[in-house]
Amino acid sequence: MKKKTIIGDKKIQKSTVEGGVSVAPMPTTMGDRVTISYDGLLAKSGAEQVFAHVGYGMHNSWDRIADIPMNNGPMGWTCDVIPEDTRLNFCFYDNAQNWDNNNGINWSFTIHNGQIDL
């Protein structure tokens, strides 16, 4: 489901998906800042800290993997990434090493290159 969020004077498309996850802006473009928001199972279980486990490539073969500490705020846990490839994959874990990987399929988004084919 896509929702419009207003940040400053700009309307931003945000995609909310299952498991308490949203990504903004949508569509996502390579090189642009993307905010991942999480209010899923770990957040609802009282995690003291949540990390986004982020990688690129095919859903079953990630590369350039990074663990990003998320910030807890009014929108739940959030972090920003700047996509480096055409597919952004992520899941979450907490300070007690409990994982939320969307029942084993993680979350995956296509990243556009910013060009329009005519």
Protein backbone atom coordinates (compact mmCIF):
# COMPACT_ATOMS: atom_id res chain seq x y z
CA MET A 1 0.00 0.00 0.00
CA LYS A 2 1.38 3.41 -0.93
CA LYS A 3 0.74 6.48 1.20
CA LYS A 4 1.82 10.07 0.74
CA THR A 5 3.76 11.59 3.58
CA ILE A 6 4.54 15.29 3.76
CA ILE A 7 8.08 16.14 4.86
CA GLY A 8 8.72 19.86 4.88
CA ASP A 9 7.06 21.16 1.73
CA LYS A 10 7.53 17.95 -0.26
CA LYS A 11 5.08 15.09 -0.73
CA ILE A 12 6.90 11.78 -0.47
CA GLN A 13 5.50 8.44 -1.67
CA LYS A 14 5.93 5.81 1.02
CA SER A 15 5.38 2.10 0.58
CA THR A 16 4.04 0.25 3.61
CA VAL A 17 4.42 -3.51 3.41
CA GLU A 18 3.66 -6.40 5.73
CA GLY A 19 5.42 -6.84 9.03
CA GLY A 20 5.41 -3.19 10.09
CA VAL A 21 7.91 -2.11 7.42
CA SER A 22 7.81 0.98 5.21
CA VAL A 23 10.23 2.48 2.71
CA ALA A 24 10.30 6.09 1.50
CA PRO A 25 10.50 7.48 -1.07
CA MET A 26 8.86 5.13 -3.51
CA PRO A 27 9.91 4.42 -6.14
CA THR A 28 13.47 4.35 -4.91
CA THR A 29 16.30 5.65 -7.09
CA MET A 30 19.96 4.65 -6.93
CA GLY A 31 22.03 7.26 -5.14
CA ASP A 32 19.07 8.87 -3.34
CA ARG A 33 18.59 8.60 0.43
CA VAL A 34 16.00 5.98 1.39
CA THR A 35 14.41 5.76 4.84
CA ILE A 36 13.54 2.31 6.14
CA SER A 37 11.00 2.33 9.00
CA TYR A 38 10.31 -0.68 11.19
CA ASP A 39 7.56 -1.21 13.74
CA GLY A 40 7.37 -4.98 13.51
CA LEU A 41 7.73 -7.95 15.83
CA LEU A 42 11.02 -6.91 17.47
CA ALA A 43 9.76 -3.38 18.12
CA LYS A 44 6.51 -4.70 19.57
CA SER A 45 8.50 -7.11 21.80
CA GLY A 46 10.33 -4.22 23.49
CA ALA A 47 13.74 -4.42 21.81
CA GLU A 48 16.27 -2.01 23.33
CA GLN A 49 18.05 -1.62 19.98
CA VAL A 50 17.15 -2.71 16.45
CA PHE A 51 19.56 -3.08 13.55
CA ALA A 52 18.80 -3.22 9.82
CA HIS A 53 20.78 -6.02 8.12
CA VAL A 54 21.11 -4.61 4.58
CA GLY A 55 22.56 -6.05 1.38
CA TYR A 56 22.32 -5.85 -2.39
CA GLY A 57 21.82 -8.34 -5.21
CA MET A 58 19.59 -11.35 -5.66
CA HIS A 59 17.31 -12.20 -2.73
CA ASN A 60 19.24 -15.42 -2.05
CA SER A 61 22.78 -14.10 -2.64
CA TRP A 62 23.45 -10.76 -0.95
CA ASP A 63 26.67 -8.79 -1.22
CA ARG A 64 27.96 -5.56 0.35
CA ILE A 65 26.19 -6.48 3.59
CA ALA A 66 26.02 -3.88 6.36
CA ASP A 67 24.43 -3.80 9.81
CA ILE A 68 22.97 -0.38 10.51
CA PRO A 69 21.84 0.70 14.00
CA MET A 70 18.34 2.14 13.79
CA ASN A 71 16.98 5.16 15.67
CA ASN A 72 13.86 4.81 17.79
CA GLY A 73 11.35 7.64 17.33
CA PRO A 74 7.68 8.46 16.83
CA MET A 75 7.56 6.49 13.55
CA GLY A 76 9.15 3.42 15.14
CA TRP A 77 12.71 2.37 14.35
CA THR A 78 14.25 4.13 11.32
CA CYS A 79 17.50 4.30 9.39
CA ASP A 80 18.65 5.82 6.14
CA VAL A 81 20.53 4.06 3.35
CA ILE A 82 21.78 5.19 -0.04
CA PRO A 83 21.17 2.30 -2.45
CA GLU A 84 24.24 1.11 -4.35
CA ASP A 85 22.67 -1.45 -6.68
CA THR A 86 19.43 -2.39 -8.43
CA ARG A 87 18.02 -4.53 -5.59
CA LEU A 88 17.95 -3.57 -1.90
CA ASN A 89 17.40 -6.45 0.54
CA PHE A 90 17.03 -6.19 4.29
CA CYS A 91 15.82 -7.77 7.50
CA PHE A 92 16.13 -6.81 11.17
CA TYR A 93 17.64 -8.05 14.43
CA ASP A 94 17.76 -6.74 17.96
CA ASN A 95 20.40 -6.43 20.69
CA ALA A 96 19.51 -9.94 21.95
CA GLN A 97 20.15 -11.41 18.45
CA ASN A 98 16.46 -12.08 17.77
CA TRP A 99 15.78 -11.79 14.03
CA ASP A 100 12.80 -10.68 11.98
CA ASN A 101 13.39 -11.86 8.43
CA ASN A 102 9.79 -11.76 7.19
CA ASN A 103 9.31 -15.51 7.67
CA GLY A 104 12.51 -16.30 5.78
CA ILE A 105 11.91 -14.18 2.68
CA ASN A 106 13.33 -10.85 4.01
CA TRP A 107 12.24 -7.58 2.39
CA SER A 108 13.41 -6.70 -1.10
CA PHE A 109 12.92 -3.60 -3.26
CA THR A 110 13.88 -2.76 -6.82
CA ILE A 111 16.08 0.32 -7.08
CA HIS A 112 15.69 2.38 -10.25
CA ASN A 113 18.62 3.95 -12.04
CA GLY A 114 16.85 7.28 -12.51
CA GLN A 115 16.68 7.03 -16.29
CA ILE A 116 13.46 6.96 -18.28
CA ASP A 117 13.36 4.66 -21.30
CA LEU A 118 11.69 6.28 -24.27
